[in-house]
Amino acid sequence: MKIDILTIFPNMFNNIFNESIIKRAIDANKVEINIIDFREYSKDSHKKVDDTPYGGGAGMVLTPQPIFDCVESIRTKDSKVILLTPDGIQFKQRIAYDLAKEKHLIIICGHYEGFDERIRTLADMEISIGDYVLTGGEIPAMVLVDSITRLIPGVINEQSHLDDSFNDNYLLDYPTYTKPRVYKGMEVPEVLTSGDHAKIKAWREEQSIKRTKERRPDLLK
């Protein structure tokens, strides 16, 4: 997979993809990640990429020309363009799975007060990572890349992400334990040391439902 991230703050991505699982995925040629400064595509003599909004109002708005030229120069028939915006569909695990099947993702990071409405016409989908406002799309882009990359076949053990929270009808994950068996008076549940795999499976399913009811009952709707 190839992922191109369009931003005017490329330094925000310094080292973020040079650690842990994403770095291993890059080294294994499972994913190629490019950070593209779309300011370089500006035809303004001062490389300006924003301007005041028509009709007045606070803040500056990203202009369409640099982003259009950037996307059009890298887009292919295999590309899926994603615009990060607070009013996009909320990012979910099922969306991450779908996007992990794509060959080429182009992720556009918005910034400032917003972007010219015509930029939306470039996008195949618009995504939000939650009901709150950030200074720009750079951090959401990092979230998407991390979530998607780990689902690319061969990046991590498949069972690791099949057991993730939100995979089984959006249930939260069950509690997990490791050694020591007793720590500060807190014991590992006996069923997990019983060796009875059927009982362990049933306990985990029960705990997953219980935890979801307690912490995220909205998911059960």
N, C-alpha and C. Protein backbone atom coordinates (compact mmCIF):
# COMPACT_ATOMS: atom_id res chain seq x y z
N MET A 1 0.83 -1.19 0.00
CA MET A 1 0.00 0.00 0.00
C MET A 1 0.87 1.25 0.00
N LYS A 2 0.36 2.28 -0.67
CA LYS A 2 1.02 3.58 -0.67
C LYS A 2 0.10 4.59 -0.02
N ILE A 3 0.64 5.40 0.90
CA ILE A 3 -0.13 6.43 1.57
C ILE A 3 0.58 7.77 1.38
N ASP A 4 -0.11 8.73 0.78
CA ASP A 4 0.40 10.09 0.63
C ASP A 4 -0.39 11.01 1.54
N ILE A 5 0.31 11.74 2.39
CA ILE A 5 -0.33 12.67 3.30
C ILE A 5 -0.02 14.10 2.87
N LEU A 6 -1.07 14.88 2.59
CA LEU A 6 -0.91 16.26 2.12
C LEU A 6 -1.07 17.20 3.31
N THR A 7 -0.06 18.02 3.54
CA THR A 7 -0.05 18.89 4.71
C THR A 7 0.79 20.12 4.42
N ILE A 8 0.63 21.18 5.22
CA ILE A 8 1.54 22.32 5.13
C ILE A 8 2.47 22.34 6.34
N PHE A 9 2.37 21.30 7.16
CA PHE A 9 3.25 21.19 8.32
C PHE A 9 3.93 19.81 8.34
N PRO A 10 4.77 19.56 7.34
CA PRO A 10 5.40 18.24 7.24
C PRO A 10 6.27 17.87 8.44
N ASN A 11 6.81 18.88 9.13
CA ASN A 11 7.68 18.57 10.27
C ASN A 11 6.92 17.94 11.43
N MET A 12 5.61 18.07 11.44
CA MET A 12 4.82 17.43 12.49
C MET A 12 4.94 15.92 12.42
N PHE A 13 5.33 15.42 11.27
CA PHE A 13 5.40 13.97 11.08
C PHE A 13 6.80 13.41 11.31
N ASN A 14 7.74 14.29 11.69
CA ASN A 14 9.11 13.84 11.92
C ASN A 14 9.13 12.72 12.96
N ASN A 15 9.67 11.60 12.57
CA ASN A 15 9.90 10.44 13.44
C ASN A 15 8.65 9.66 13.84
N ILE A 16 7.45 10.18 13.57
CA ILE A 16 6.25 9.49 14.03
C ILE A 16 6.10 8.11 13.40
N PHE A 17 6.59 7.96 12.17
CA PHE A 17 6.47 6.68 11.48
C PHE A 17 7.79 5.91 11.47
N ASN A 18 8.72 6.32 12.31
CA ASN A 18 10.03 5.68 12.37
C ASN A 18 10.21 4.84 13.62
N GLU A 19 9.11 4.39 14.19
CA GLU A 19 9.17 3.57 15.39
C GLU A 19 8.19 2.40 15.27
N SER A 20 8.48 1.36 16.00
CA SER A 20 7.55 0.27 16.26
C SER A 20 7.02 -0.40 14.98
N ILE A 21 5.74 -0.74 15.01
CA ILE A 21 5.13 -1.55 13.97
C ILE A 21 5.14 -0.86 12.61
N ILE A 22 4.88 0.44 12.58
CA ILE A 22 4.85 1.15 11.29
C ILE A 22 6.22 1.14 10.64
N LYS A 23 7.25 1.35 11.40
CA LYS A 23 8.61 1.30 10.85
C LYS A 23 8.91 -0.08 10.27
N ARG A 24 8.51 -1.12 11.00
CA ARG A 24 8.75 -2.47 10.50
C ARG A 24 7.97 -2.72 9.21
N ALA A 25 6.75 -2.17 9.14
CA ALA A 25 5.95 -2.33 7.93
C ALA A 25 6.60 -1.63 6.74
N ILE A 26 7.18 -0.45 6.99
CA ILE A 26 7.88 0.29 5.94
C ILE A 26 9.12 -0.47 5.51
N ASP A 27 9.89 -0.95 6.47
CA ASP A 27 11.12 -1.68 6.16
C ASP A 27 10.84 -2.97 5.40
N ALA A 28 9.68 -3.57 5.65
CA ALA A 28 9.30 -4.81 4.98
C ALA A 28 8.57 -4.55 3.66
N ASN A 29 8.51 -3.28 3.25
CA ASN A 29 7.84 -2.88 2.00
C ASN A 29 6.35 -3.24 1.98
N LYS A 30 5.74 -3.27 3.16
CA LYS A 30 4.30 -3.49 3.22
C LYS A 30 3.54 -2.19 2.98
N VAL A 31 4.18 -1.06 3.31
CA VAL A 31 3.55 0.24 3.13
C VAL A 31 4.61 1.27 2.79
N GLU A 32 4.24 2.20 1.93
CA GLU A 32 5.08 3.36 1.60
C GLU A 32 4.33 4.60 2.05
N ILE A 33 4.96 5.41 2.89
CA ILE A 33 4.31 6.61 3.41
C ILE A 33 5.08 7.84 2.98
N ASN A 34 4.39 8.74 2.30
CA ASN A 34 5.02 9.98 1.83
C ASN A 34 4.32 11.19 2.45
N ILE A 35 5.11 12.12 2.95
CA ILE A 35 4.57 13.37 3.49
C ILE A 35 4.81 14.46 2.45
N ILE A 36 3.74 15.02 1.93
CA ILE A 36 3.83 15.99 0.83
C ILE A 36 3.38 17.37 1.31
N ASP A 37 4.26 18.34 1.18
CA ASP A 37 3.94 19.72 1.54
C ASP A 37 3.25 20.37 0.34
N PHE A 38 1.92 20.52 0.41
CA PHE A 38 1.21 21.05 -0.76
C PHE A 38 1.45 22.55 -0.95
N ARG A 39 2.17 23.17 -0.01
CA ARG A 39 2.57 24.56 -0.22
C ARG A 39 3.48 24.67 -1.45
N GLU A 40 4.22 23.60 -1.72
CA GLU A 40 5.11 23.60 -2.87
C GLU A 40 4.37 23.67 -4.20
N TYR A 41 3.08 23.39 -4.17
CA TYR A 41 2.28 23.44 -5.39
C TYR A 41 1.60 24.79 -5.59
N SER A 42 1.77 25.69 -4.64
CA SER A 42 1.15 27.00 -4.75
C SER A 42 1.76 27.81 -5.88
N LYS A 43 0.91 28.47 -6.65
CA LYS A 43 1.37 29.32 -7.75
C LYS A 43 1.55 30.77 -7.30
N ASP A 44 1.25 31.03 -6.05
CA ASP A 44 1.46 32.36 -5.48
C ASP A 44 2.96 32.61 -5.34
N SER A 45 3.39 33.82 -5.60
CA SER A 45 4.82 34.13 -5.55
C SER A 45 5.41 33.94 -4.16
N HIS A 46 4.56 34.02 -3.14
CA HIS A 46 5.01 33.82 -1.76
C HIS A 46 4.60 32.45 -1.21
N LYS A 47 4.18 31.57 -2.11
CA LYS A 47 3.75 30.22 -1.73
C LYS A 47 2.58 30.24 -0.73
N LYS A 48 1.73 31.22 -0.88
CA LYS A 48 0.58 31.35 -0.01
C LYS A 48 -0.45 30.26 -0.31
N VAL A 49 -1.05 29.69 0.73
CA VAL A 49 -2.03 28.62 0.54
C VAL A 49 -3.38 28.93 1.20
N ASP A 50 -3.51 30.14 1.76
CA ASP A 50 -4.75 30.47 2.45
C ASP A 50 -5.14 31.92 2.17
N ASP A 51 -6.40 32.25 2.47
CA ASP A 51 -6.87 33.61 2.27
C ASP A 51 -8.08 33.83 3.17
N THR A 52 -8.53 35.10 3.21
CA THR A 52 -9.68 35.43 4.05
C THR A 52 -10.97 34.89 3.42
N PRO A 53 -11.97 34.56 4.23
CA PRO A 53 -13.21 33.98 3.70
C PRO A 53 -14.11 35.03 3.05
N TYR A 54 -14.72 34.68 1.93
CA TYR A 54 -15.76 35.53 1.34
C TYR A 54 -16.90 35.66 2.34
N GLY A 55 -17.45 36.85 2.43
CA GLY A 55 -18.55 37.08 3.35
C GLY A 55 -18.11 37.46 4.74
N GLY A 56 -16.80 37.46 4.96
CA GLY A 56 -16.27 37.83 6.26
C GLY A 56 -16.25 36.68 7.23
N GLY A 57 -15.65 36.91 8.37
CA GLY A 57 -15.55 35.88 9.40
C GLY A 57 -14.12 35.75 9.89
N ALA A 58 -13.97 35.03 10.99
CA ALA A 58 -12.66 34.88 11.61
C ALA A 58 -11.82 33.83 10.88
N GLY A 59 -10.50 33.97 11.01
CA GLY A 59 -9.60 32.95 10.51
C GLY A 59 -9.32 33.01 9.03
N MET A 60 -8.47 32.09 8.60
CA MET A 60 -8.06 31.98 7.20
C MET A 60 -8.54 30.64 6.64
N VAL A 61 -8.77 30.64 5.34
CA VAL A 61 -9.31 29.45 4.67
C VAL A 61 -8.32 28.95 3.63
N LEU A 62 -8.09 27.63 3.61
CA LEU A 62 -7.20 27.05 2.61
C LEU A 62 -7.78 27.23 1.22
N THR A 63 -6.94 27.68 0.29
CA THR A 63 -7.38 27.93 -1.08
C THR A 63 -7.33 26.63 -1.90
N PRO A 64 -8.15 26.52 -2.92
CA PRO A 64 -8.23 25.25 -3.66
C PRO A 64 -7.04 24.94 -4.56
N GLN A 65 -6.42 25.94 -5.18
CA GLN A 65 -5.42 25.68 -6.23
C GLN A 65 -4.28 24.75 -5.80
N PRO A 66 -3.58 25.01 -4.69
CA PRO A 66 -2.46 24.11 -4.34
C PRO A 66 -2.89 22.68 -4.09
N ILE A 67 -4.03 22.51 -3.41
CA ILE A 67 -4.50 21.16 -3.09
C ILE A 67 -4.98 20.44 -4.35
N PHE A 68 -5.70 21.13 -5.20
CA PHE A 68 -6.13 20.52 -6.47
C PHE A 68 -4.92 20.07 -7.29
N ASP A 69 -3.96 20.96 -7.45
CA ASP A 69 -2.79 20.62 -8.27
C ASP A 69 -2.01 19.47 -7.67
N CYS A 70 -1.89 19.44 -6.36
CA CYS A 70 -1.16 18.37 -5.68
C CYS A 70 -1.87 17.03 -5.88
N VAL A 71 -3.16 16.98 -5.60
CA VAL A 71 -3.91 15.73 -5.74
C VAL A 71 -3.89 15.25 -7.18
N GLU A 72 -4.13 16.16 -8.11
CA GLU A 72 -4.19 15.77 -9.52
C GLU A 72 -2.85 15.28 -10.05
N SER A 73 -1.75 15.68 -9.42
CA SER A 73 -0.43 15.24 -9.88
C SER A 73 -0.06 13.84 -9.37
N ILE A 74 -0.73 13.38 -8.31
CA ILE A 74 -0.37 12.08 -7.74
C ILE A 74 -1.50 11.05 -7.82
N ARG A 75 -2.68 11.49 -8.17
CA ARG A 75 -3.83 10.59 -8.20
C ARG A 75 -3.76 9.63 -9.38
N THR A 76 -4.11 8.38 -9.14
CA THR A 76 -4.19 7.37 -10.20
C THR A 76 -5.55 6.68 -10.11
N LYS A 77 -5.77 5.72 -10.98
CA LYS A 77 -7.05 4.98 -10.95
C LYS A 77 -7.20 4.17 -9.67
N ASP A 78 -6.08 3.91 -8.98
CA ASP A 78 -6.12 3.12 -7.75
C ASP A 78 -6.21 3.97 -6.49
N SER A 79 -6.27 5.28 -6.65
CA SER A 79 -6.23 6.17 -5.50
C SER A 79 -7.60 6.34 -4.85
N LYS A 80 -7.59 6.47 -3.51
CA LYS A 80 -8.78 6.84 -2.76
C LYS A 80 -8.40 8.07 -1.96
N VAL A 81 -9.11 9.17 -2.19
CA VAL A 81 -8.78 10.44 -1.55
C VAL A 81 -9.65 10.64 -0.32
N ILE A 82 -9.00 10.92 0.80
CA ILE A 82 -9.69 11.11 2.07
C ILE A 82 -9.46 12.54 2.55
N LEU A 83 -10.53 13.23 2.86
CA LEU A 83 -10.44 14.57 3.42
C LEU A 83 -10.76 14.49 4.91
N LEU A 84 -9.84 14.96 5.75
CA LEU A 84 -10.05 14.95 7.18
C LEU A 84 -10.76 16.22 7.61
N THR A 85 -11.94 16.06 8.19
CA THR A 85 -12.76 17.21 8.54
C THR A 85 -13.69 16.83 9.69
N PRO A 86 -13.99 17.76 10.61
CA PRO A 86 -14.86 17.44 11.74
C PRO A 86 -16.25 16.98 11.35
N ASP A 87 -16.71 17.34 10.14
CA ASP A 87 -18.05 16.93 9.75
C ASP A 87 -18.06 15.70 8.83
N GLY A 88 -16.94 14.96 8.81
CA GLY A 88 -16.90 13.71 8.06
C GLY A 88 -17.54 12.57 8.86
N ILE A 89 -17.62 11.39 8.27
CA ILE A 89 -18.13 10.24 8.99
C ILE A 89 -17.13 9.85 10.07
N GLN A 90 -17.62 9.37 11.20
CA GLN A 90 -16.73 9.06 12.31
C GLN A 90 -15.94 7.79 12.00
N PHE A 91 -14.64 7.86 12.23
CA PHE A 91 -13.74 6.76 11.95
C PHE A 91 -14.03 5.59 12.88
N LYS A 92 -14.19 4.40 12.29
CA LYS A 92 -14.47 3.19 13.05
C LYS A 92 -13.53 2.07 12.56
N GLN A 93 -13.48 1.00 13.35
CA GLN A 93 -12.60 -0.11 13.00
C GLN A 93 -12.97 -0.72 11.65
N ARG A 94 -14.27 -0.80 11.36
CA ARG A 94 -14.68 -1.38 10.08
C ARG A 94 -14.19 -0.54 8.91
N ILE A 95 -14.11 0.78 9.11
CA ILE A 95 -13.59 1.65 8.05
C ILE A 95 -12.10 1.41 7.88
N ALA A 96 -11.38 1.22 9.00
CA ALA A 96 -9.96 0.92 8.93
C ALA A 96 -9.72 -0.36 8.12
N TYR A 97 -10.54 -1.38 8.36
CA TYR A 97 -10.41 -2.64 7.60
C TYR A 97 -10.63 -2.40 6.10
N ASP A 98 -11.65 -1.62 5.78
CA ASP A 98 -11.93 -1.35 4.36
C ASP A 98 -10.77 -0.59 3.71
N LEU A 99 -10.24 0.40 4.41
CA LEU A 99 -9.17 1.21 3.84
C LEU A 99 -7.86 0.43 3.73
N ALA A 100 -7.68 -0.57 4.60
CA ALA A 100 -6.46 -1.39 4.55
C ALA A 100 -6.41 -2.23 3.29
N LYS A 101 -7.53 -2.35 2.59
CA LYS A 101 -7.58 -3.13 1.35
C LYS A 101 -7.25 -2.28 0.12
N GLU A 102 -7.15 -0.97 0.30
CA GLU A 102 -6.88 -0.08 -0.83
C GLU A 102 -5.40 -0.14 -1.23
N LYS A 103 -5.13 0.23 -2.47
CA LYS A 103 -3.74 0.25 -2.96
C LYS A 103 -3.05 1.59 -2.70
N HIS A 104 -3.84 2.66 -2.75
CA HIS A 104 -3.25 4.00 -2.62
C HIS A 104 -4.22 4.92 -1.91
N LEU A 105 -3.79 5.47 -0.79
CA LEU A 105 -4.59 6.44 -0.05
C LEU A 105 -3.93 7.81 -0.14
N ILE A 106 -4.74 8.81 -0.42
CA ILE A 106 -4.29 10.21 -0.38
C ILE A 106 -5.08 10.88 0.73
N ILE A 107 -4.38 11.34 1.76
CA ILE A 107 -5.03 11.93 2.92
C ILE A 107 -4.75 13.43 2.95
N ILE A 108 -5.81 14.22 2.92
CA ILE A 108 -5.67 15.68 2.92
C ILE A 108 -5.91 16.22 4.33
N CYS A 109 -4.91 16.92 4.86
CA CYS A 109 -5.03 17.53 6.19
C CYS A 109 -5.51 18.97 6.05
N GLY A 110 -6.67 19.25 6.60
CA GLY A 110 -7.15 20.62 6.63
C GLY A 110 -6.43 21.41 7.72
N HIS A 111 -6.60 22.70 7.72
CA HIS A 111 -5.97 23.53 8.75
C HIS A 111 -6.65 24.89 8.78
N TYR A 112 -6.20 25.73 9.72
CA TYR A 112 -6.76 27.06 9.91
C TYR A 112 -8.26 27.00 10.18
N GLU A 113 -9.02 27.99 9.70
CA GLU A 113 -10.45 28.04 9.97
C GLU A 113 -11.21 26.98 9.17
N GLY A 114 -10.60 26.51 8.10
CA GLY A 114 -11.26 25.51 7.27
C GLY A 114 -10.65 25.49 5.89
N PHE A 115 -11.38 24.96 4.93
CA PHE A 115 -10.88 24.89 3.56
C PHE A 115 -12.00 25.31 2.61
N ASP A 116 -11.59 25.79 1.46
CA ASP A 116 -12.55 26.17 0.42
C ASP A 116 -13.46 24.97 0.12
N GLU A 117 -14.76 25.22 0.09
CA GLU A 117 -15.74 24.15 -0.08
C GLU A 117 -15.49 23.31 -1.33
N ARG A 118 -14.90 23.91 -2.36
CA ARG A 118 -14.68 23.18 -3.61
C ARG A 118 -13.66 22.07 -3.48
N ILE A 119 -12.86 22.12 -2.42
CA ILE A 119 -11.88 21.05 -2.19
C ILE A 119 -12.58 19.73 -1.91
N ARG A 120 -13.80 19.80 -1.37
CA ARG A 120 -14.55 18.57 -1.10
C ARG A 120 -14.76 17.73 -2.35
N THR A 121 -14.80 18.37 -3.51
CA THR A 121 -15.07 17.62 -4.74
C THR A 121 -13.93 16.66 -5.09
N LEU A 122 -12.77 16.85 -4.48
CA LEU A 122 -11.64 15.95 -4.72
C LEU A 122 -11.77 14.64 -3.94
N ALA A 123 -12.54 14.67 -2.85
CA ALA A 123 -12.53 13.56 -1.90
C ALA A 123 -13.49 12.44 -2.29
N ASP A 124 -13.02 11.22 -2.08
CA ASP A 124 -13.88 10.04 -2.22
C ASP A 124 -14.64 9.80 -0.91
N MET A 125 -14.07 10.25 0.19
CA MET A 125 -14.76 10.17 1.47
C MET A 125 -14.18 11.20 2.43
N GLU A 126 -15.00 11.62 3.39
CA GLU A 126 -14.57 12.57 4.42
C GLU A 126 -14.65 11.86 5.77
N ILE A 127 -13.60 12.03 6.57
CA ILE A 127 -13.50 11.30 7.84
C ILE A 127 -13.23 12.26 8.99
N SER A 128 -13.87 11.98 10.13
CA SER A 128 -13.59 12.65 11.39
C SER A 128 -13.15 11.59 12.40
N ILE A 129 -12.23 11.92 13.29
CA ILE A 129 -11.84 10.94 14.31
C ILE A 129 -12.60 11.15 15.62
N GLY A 130 -13.51 12.12 15.66
CA GLY A 130 -14.30 12.32 16.87
C GLY A 130 -14.97 13.67 16.91
N ASP A 131 -15.86 13.81 17.85
CA ASP A 131 -16.65 15.04 17.96
C ASP A 131 -15.93 16.09 18.79
N TYR A 132 -14.82 16.55 18.28
CA TYR A 132 -14.05 17.63 18.89
C TYR A 132 -13.23 18.27 17.79
N VAL A 133 -12.68 19.45 18.06
CA VAL A 133 -11.97 20.19 17.03
C VAL A 133 -10.48 20.27 17.38
N LEU A 134 -9.64 19.98 16.41
CA LEU A 134 -8.18 20.08 16.56
C LEU A 134 -7.67 21.24 15.72
N THR A 135 -6.40 21.56 15.86
CA THR A 135 -5.84 22.67 15.09
C THR A 135 -5.67 22.33 13.62
N GLY A 136 -5.68 21.06 13.30
CA GLY A 136 -5.53 20.66 11.91
C GLY A 136 -5.69 19.17 11.75
N GLY A 137 -5.50 18.69 10.52
CA GLY A 137 -5.72 17.28 10.22
C GLY A 137 -4.51 16.40 10.40
N GLU A 138 -3.40 16.96 10.88
CA GLU A 138 -2.17 16.17 10.97
C GLU A 138 -2.28 15.03 11.99
N ILE A 139 -2.76 15.34 13.19
CA ILE A 139 -2.90 14.28 14.19
C ILE A 139 -3.93 13.23 13.77
N PRO A 140 -5.10 13.62 13.23
CA PRO A 140 -6.00 12.61 12.69
C PRO A 140 -5.36 11.75 11.59
N ALA A 141 -4.52 12.34 10.76
CA ALA A 141 -3.83 11.56 9.73
C ALA A 141 -2.94 10.50 10.36
N MET A 142 -2.26 10.86 11.44
CA MET A 142 -1.42 9.89 12.14
C MET A 142 -2.27 8.75 12.69
N VAL A 143 -3.43 9.10 13.22
CA VAL A 143 -4.35 8.08 13.76
C VAL A 143 -4.77 7.11 12.66
N LEU A 144 -5.17 7.64 11.51
CA LEU A 144 -5.60 6.79 10.41
C LEU A 144 -4.48 5.87 9.95
N VAL A 145 -3.30 6.43 9.75
CA VAL A 145 -2.18 5.64 9.24
C VAL A 145 -1.81 4.52 10.21
N ASP A 146 -1.79 4.83 11.50
CA ASP A 146 -1.46 3.81 12.49
C ASP A 146 -2.51 2.70 12.49
N SER A 147 -3.80 3.10 12.51
CA SER A 147 -4.89 2.13 12.56
C SER A 147 -4.94 1.26 11.31
N ILE A 148 -4.71 1.85 10.16
CA ILE A 148 -4.80 1.13 8.89
C ILE A 148 -3.59 0.24 8.66
N THR A 149 -2.40 0.76 8.93
CA THR A 149 -1.18 0.02 8.62
C THR A 149 -1.12 -1.31 9.35
N ARG A 150 -1.52 -1.35 10.60
CA ARG A 150 -1.43 -2.60 11.36
C ARG A 150 -2.37 -3.67 10.82
N LEU A 151 -3.35 -3.28 9.97
CA LEU A 151 -4.30 -4.24 9.41
C LEU A 151 -3.87 -4.76 8.04
N ILE A 152 -2.80 -4.20 7.49
CA ILE A 152 -2.30 -4.67 6.20
C ILE A 152 -1.76 -6.10 6.39
N PRO A 153 -2.15 -7.03 5.54
CA PRO A 153 -1.69 -8.42 5.71
C PRO A 153 -0.17 -8.52 5.83
N GLY A 154 0.27 -9.25 6.83
CA GLY A 154 1.69 -9.47 7.03
C GLY A 154 2.37 -8.48 7.95
N VAL A 155 1.65 -7.42 8.36
CA VAL A 155 2.26 -6.42 9.23
C VAL A 155 2.32 -6.93 10.67
N ILE A 156 1.20 -7.44 11.18
CA ILE A 156 1.19 -8.09 12.49
C ILE A 156 0.49 -9.43 12.34
N ASN A 157 0.61 -10.27 13.36
CA ASN A 157 -0.10 -11.54 13.37
C ASN A 157 -1.60 -11.29 13.25
N GLU A 158 -2.25 -11.97 12.32
CA GLU A 158 -3.66 -11.71 12.05
C GLU A 158 -4.53 -11.88 13.30
N GLN A 159 -4.23 -12.86 14.14
CA GLN A 159 -5.04 -13.10 15.32
C GLN A 159 -5.01 -11.91 16.27
N SER A 160 -3.88 -11.16 16.23
CA SER A 160 -3.75 -10.01 17.12
C SER A 160 -4.82 -8.97 16.87
N HIS A 161 -5.12 -8.72 15.59
CA HIS A 161 -6.15 -7.71 15.33
C HIS A 161 -7.55 -8.30 15.25
N LEU A 162 -7.64 -9.61 15.03
CA LEU A 162 -8.97 -10.22 15.07
C LEU A 162 -9.54 -10.20 16.49
N ASP A 163 -8.64 -10.20 17.49
CA ASP A 163 -9.07 -10.18 18.88
C ASP A 163 -9.21 -8.76 19.44
N ASP A 164 -9.01 -7.75 18.60
CA ASP A 164 -9.10 -6.37 19.06
C ASP A 164 -10.49 -6.02 19.57
N SER A 165 -10.53 -4.99 20.43
CA SER A 165 -11.82 -4.40 20.77
C SER A 165 -12.48 -3.89 19.49
N PHE A 166 -13.82 -3.88 19.48
CA PHE A 166 -14.63 -3.36 18.38
C PHE A 166 -14.72 -4.31 17.17
N ASN A 167 -14.02 -5.45 17.22
CA ASN A 167 -14.09 -6.36 16.08
C ASN A 167 -15.29 -7.29 16.15
N ASP A 168 -15.65 -7.74 17.35
CA ASP A 168 -16.74 -8.69 17.50
C ASP A 168 -18.02 -7.94 17.85
N ASN A 169 -18.75 -7.55 16.83
CA ASN A 169 -19.98 -6.78 17.04
C ASN A 169 -19.74 -5.55 17.91
N TYR A 170 -18.56 -4.98 17.77
CA TYR A 170 -18.20 -3.76 18.49
C TYR A 170 -18.14 -3.94 20.00
N LEU A 171 -17.84 -5.16 20.45
CA LEU A 171 -17.64 -5.38 21.87
C LEU A 171 -16.23 -4.97 22.27
N LEU A 172 -16.09 -4.51 23.51
CA LEU A 172 -14.76 -4.21 24.02
C LEU A 172 -14.02 -5.51 24.31
N ASP A 173 -12.71 -5.42 24.40
CA ASP A 173 -11.90 -6.61 24.62
C ASP A 173 -12.07 -7.11 26.05
N TYR A 174 -11.84 -8.39 26.25
CA TYR A 174 -11.91 -8.99 27.58
C TYR A 174 -10.62 -8.68 28.36
N PRO A 175 -10.64 -8.82 29.70
CA PRO A 175 -9.44 -8.58 30.50
C PRO A 175 -8.35 -9.60 30.19
N THR A 176 -7.12 -9.16 30.21
CA THR A 176 -5.99 -10.07 30.00
C THR A 176 -5.02 -9.97 31.18
N TYR A 177 -4.30 -11.04 31.43
CA TYR A 177 -3.36 -11.12 32.55
C TYR A 177 -2.08 -11.81 32.10
N THR A 178 -1.00 -11.57 32.85
CA THR A 178 0.25 -12.30 32.65
C THR A 178 0.89 -12.53 34.02
N LYS A 179 2.07 -13.10 34.04
CA LYS A 179 2.75 -13.39 35.31
C LYS A 179 3.13 -12.09 36.02
N PRO A 180 3.15 -12.08 37.38
CA PRO A 180 2.93 -13.21 38.30
C PRO A 180 1.45 -13.51 38.50
N ARG A 181 1.18 -14.68 39.01
CA ARG A 181 -0.21 -15.09 39.21
C ARG A 181 -0.89 -14.25 40.29
N VAL A 182 -0.12 -13.86 41.30
CA VAL A 182 -0.64 -12.99 42.36
C VAL A 182 0.27 -11.78 42.47
N TYR A 183 -0.32 -10.59 42.45
CA TYR A 183 0.46 -9.36 42.58
C TYR A 183 -0.28 -8.41 43.51
N LYS A 184 0.39 -8.06 44.64
CA LYS A 184 -0.19 -7.16 45.65
C LYS A 184 -1.59 -7.61 46.06
N GLY A 185 -1.73 -8.91 46.19
CA GLY A 185 -3.00 -9.47 46.64
C GLY A 185 -4.02 -9.67 45.55
N MET A 186 -3.73 -9.23 44.35
CA MET A 186 -4.66 -9.37 43.23
C MET A 186 -4.30 -10.63 42.44
N GLU A 187 -5.27 -11.54 42.31
CA GLU A 187 -5.02 -12.84 41.69
C GLU A 187 -5.58 -12.90 40.27
N VAL A 188 -4.89 -13.65 39.44
CA VAL A 188 -5.40 -13.95 38.10
C VAL A 188 -6.63 -14.85 38.25
N PRO A 189 -7.71 -14.59 37.53
CA PRO A 189 -8.89 -15.45 37.63
C PRO A 189 -8.54 -16.93 37.41
N GLU A 190 -9.07 -17.77 38.26
CA GLU A 190 -8.71 -19.19 38.25
C GLU A 190 -8.99 -19.85 36.92
N VAL A 191 -10.04 -19.42 36.24
CA VAL A 191 -10.41 -20.06 34.98
C VAL A 191 -9.29 -19.95 33.95
N LEU A 192 -8.50 -18.86 34.01
CA LEU A 192 -7.45 -18.66 33.01
C LEU A 192 -6.25 -19.59 33.22
N THR A 193 -6.15 -20.17 34.40
CA THR A 193 -5.06 -21.11 34.67
C THR A 193 -5.54 -22.55 34.71
N SER A 194 -6.80 -22.76 34.34
CA SER A 194 -7.40 -24.10 34.42
C SER A 194 -6.98 -25.02 33.29
N GLY A 195 -6.60 -24.42 32.17
CA GLY A 195 -6.27 -25.25 31.01
C GLY A 195 -7.50 -25.70 30.23
N ASP A 196 -8.67 -25.34 30.68
CA ASP A 196 -9.92 -25.71 30.01
C ASP A 196 -10.27 -24.62 29.00
N HIS A 197 -9.94 -24.87 27.74
CA HIS A 197 -10.08 -23.83 26.71
C HIS A 197 -11.54 -23.44 26.45
N ALA A 198 -12.45 -24.39 26.61
CA ALA A 198 -13.87 -24.08 26.40
C ALA A 198 -14.35 -23.11 27.48
N LYS A 199 -13.95 -23.36 28.73
CA LYS A 199 -14.34 -22.48 29.83
C LYS A 199 -13.69 -21.10 29.68
N ILE A 200 -12.44 -21.10 29.24
CA ILE A 200 -11.73 -19.83 29.04
C ILE A 200 -12.43 -18.99 27.97
N LYS A 201 -12.80 -19.65 26.88
CA LYS A 201 -13.48 -18.95 25.79
C LYS A 201 -14.81 -18.37 26.28
N ALA A 202 -15.57 -19.17 27.03
CA ALA A 202 -16.85 -18.70 27.53
C ALA A 202 -16.66 -17.54 28.51
N TRP A 203 -15.64 -17.63 29.37
CA TRP A 203 -15.37 -16.56 30.33
C TRP A 203 -15.01 -15.27 29.61
N ARG A 204 -14.18 -15.37 28.59
CA ARG A 204 -13.77 -14.18 27.84
C ARG A 204 -14.96 -13.53 27.15
N GLU A 205 -15.83 -14.32 26.58
CA GLU A 205 -17.01 -13.77 25.92
C GLU A 205 -17.91 -13.06 26.94
N GLU A 206 -18.08 -13.69 28.10
CA GLU A 206 -18.90 -13.11 29.16
C GLU A 206 -18.31 -11.80 29.65
N GLN A 207 -16.99 -11.78 29.85
CA GLN A 207 -16.32 -10.58 30.33
C GLN A 207 -16.36 -9.45 29.30
N SER A 208 -16.26 -9.82 28.03
CA SER A 208 -16.32 -8.83 26.97
C SER A 208 -17.67 -8.13 26.95
N ILE A 209 -18.74 -8.91 27.08
CA ILE A 209 -20.09 -8.33 27.11
C ILE A 209 -20.26 -7.48 28.36
N LYS A 210 -19.80 -8.00 29.50
CA LYS A 210 -19.93 -7.27 30.77
C LYS A 210 -19.21 -5.93 30.72
N ARG A 211 -17.98 -5.94 30.20
CA ARG A 211 -17.20 -4.70 30.14
C ARG A 211 -17.85 -3.69 29.20
N THR A 212 -18.39 -4.17 28.10
CA THR A 212 -19.05 -3.28 27.15
C THR A 212 -20.30 -2.65 27.77
N LYS A 213 -21.08 -3.45 28.51
CA LYS A 213 -22.27 -2.93 29.18
C LYS A 213 -21.90 -1.85 30.19
N GLU A 214 -20.79 -2.07 30.90
CA GLU A 214 -20.40 -1.14 31.95
C GLU A 214 -19.78 0.14 31.40
N ARG A 215 -18.95 0.00 30.36
CA ARG A 215 -18.15 1.14 29.91
C ARG A 215 -18.65 1.80 28.63
N ARG A 216 -19.22 1.00 27.73
CA ARG A 216 -19.69 1.55 26.46
C ARG A 216 -21.04 0.94 26.08
N PRO A 217 -22.07 1.14 26.89
CA PRO A 217 -23.38 0.54 26.57
C PRO A 217 -23.93 1.00 25.23
N ASP A 218 -23.46 2.15 24.76
CA ASP A 218 -23.92 2.65 23.46
C ASP A 218 -23.57 1.71 22.33
N LEU A 219 -22.48 0.93 22.51
CA LEU A 219 -22.06 0.01 21.45
C LEU A 219 -23.03 -1.16 21.28
N LEU A 220 -23.75 -1.48 22.32
CA LEU A 220 -24.67 -2.61 22.27
C LEU A 220 -25.96 -2.28 21.55
N LYS A 221 -26.17 -1.00 21.26
CA LYS A 221 -27.38 -0.59 20.56
C LYS A 221 -27.30 -0.88 19.08
